[in-house]
Amino acid sequence: MKADSLCRFGADYDLWKTSDPADDLPDLPEVTEERAESLAECVINHASDTAIAKRLTSYYLADQDQYHQDREDYEARFDQYDGPDFD
């Protein structure tokens, strides 16, 4: 029965059935600074603080050099802060 159906549909069916569906997908757009910044703004505007923290955590785990750089910047800003001025 299976051989009969293959004969009825022909070689085009065989090629379609064995082809990779990913080949038919369009290429992903190039990530430019403008696109990355636009997406970052959308995420910040529409995501909760927890979701943003999780994304930033994943980013820091993947890029540990950036983690250390940001940590140093944060510590330097914290050390410079004297607290509110009530005078």
Protein backbone atom coordinates (compact mmCIF):
# COMPACT_ATOMS: atom_id res chain seq x y z
CA MET A 1 0.00 0.00 0.00
CA LYS A 2 2.80 2.41 0.91
CA ALA A 3 4.57 1.74 -2.39
CA ASP A 4 1.31 2.44 -4.26
CA SER A 5 0.95 5.88 -2.68
CA LEU A 6 4.55 6.78 -3.49
CA CYS A 7 4.03 5.77 -7.10
CA ARG A 8 0.87 7.88 -7.33
CA PHE A 9 2.52 11.04 -6.00
CA GLY A 10 5.81 10.57 -7.81
CA ALA A 11 9.35 11.78 -7.22
CA ASP A 12 8.32 15.33 -6.20
CA TYR A 13 6.52 13.87 -3.21
CA ASP A 14 9.59 11.88 -2.22
CA LEU A 15 11.77 14.99 -2.48
CA TRP A 16 9.31 17.06 -0.41
CA LYS A 17 8.94 14.37 2.23
CA THR A 18 12.69 14.04 2.74
CA SER A 19 13.62 17.74 2.50
CA ASP A 20 14.48 19.77 5.58
CA PRO A 21 11.68 22.24 6.41
CA ALA A 22 14.29 24.65 7.79
CA ASP A 23 15.58 25.14 4.24
CA ASP A 24 12.31 26.91 3.39
CA LEU A 25 12.60 29.46 6.21
CA PRO A 26 13.87 32.97 5.41
CA ASP A 27 17.28 34.00 6.73
CA LEU A 28 17.25 35.79 10.07
CA PRO A 29 17.78 39.55 9.80
CA GLU A 30 21.22 40.93 10.55
CA VAL A 31 21.57 42.20 14.11
CA THR A 32 22.59 45.84 13.87
CA GLU A 33 23.10 48.29 16.71
CA GLU A 34 19.87 50.07 15.76
CA ARG A 35 17.84 46.83 15.80
CA ALA A 36 19.40 45.68 19.07
CA GLU A 37 18.69 49.03 20.73
CA SER A 38 15.11 49.02 19.47
CA LEU A 39 14.49 45.53 20.82
CA ALA A 40 16.12 46.43 24.14
CA GLU A 41 13.79 49.42 24.50
CA CYS A 42 10.76 47.20 23.76
CA VAL A 43 11.85 44.64 26.35
CA ILE A 44 12.41 47.34 28.98
CA ASN A 45 9.04 48.97 28.26
CA HIS A 46 6.98 45.78 28.23
CA ALA A 47 8.70 43.33 30.57
CA SER A 48 8.53 43.15 34.33
CA ASP A 49 11.57 43.88 36.47
CA THR A 50 11.88 40.16 37.20
CA ALA A 51 11.92 39.26 33.50
CA ILE A 52 14.56 41.90 32.79
CA ALA A 53 16.67 40.65 35.70
CA LYS A 54 16.47 37.08 34.34
CA ARG A 55 17.58 38.23 30.88
CA LEU A 56 20.44 40.22 32.36
CA THR A 57 21.45 37.22 34.47
CA SER A 58 21.60 35.03 31.34
CA TYR A 59 23.63 37.72 29.59
CA TYR A 60 26.13 37.93 32.45
CA LEU A 61 26.49 34.14 32.59
CA ALA A 62 27.31 34.12 28.88
CA ASP A 63 29.63 37.16 29.01
CA GLN A 64 31.57 37.12 32.27
CA ASP A 65 33.93 39.90 31.19
CA GLN A 66 30.96 42.26 30.89
CA TYR A 67 29.76 41.13 34.33
CA HIS A 68 33.07 42.09 35.93
CA GLN A 69 33.16 45.41 34.10
CA ASP A 70 29.59 46.31 35.12
CA ARG A 71 30.26 45.20 38.70
CA GLU A 72 33.30 47.47 38.92
CA ASP A 73 31.29 50.40 37.50
CA TYR A 74 28.47 49.78 39.96
CA GLU A 75 30.83 49.56 42.93
CA ALA A 76 32.59 52.79 41.86
CA ARG A 77 29.24 54.63 41.66
CA PHE A 78 28.16 53.23 45.02
CA ASP A 79 31.42 54.34 46.66
CA GLN A 80 31.00 57.88 45.28
CA TYR A 81 27.43 58.23 46.58
CA ASP A 82 27.31 60.04 49.91
CA GLY A 83 23.58 59.78 50.40
CA PRO A 84 20.88 62.42 50.09
CA ASP A 85 21.72 66.00 50.94
CA PHE A 86 19.13 67.35 53.40
CA ASP A 87 20.71 70.82 53.88
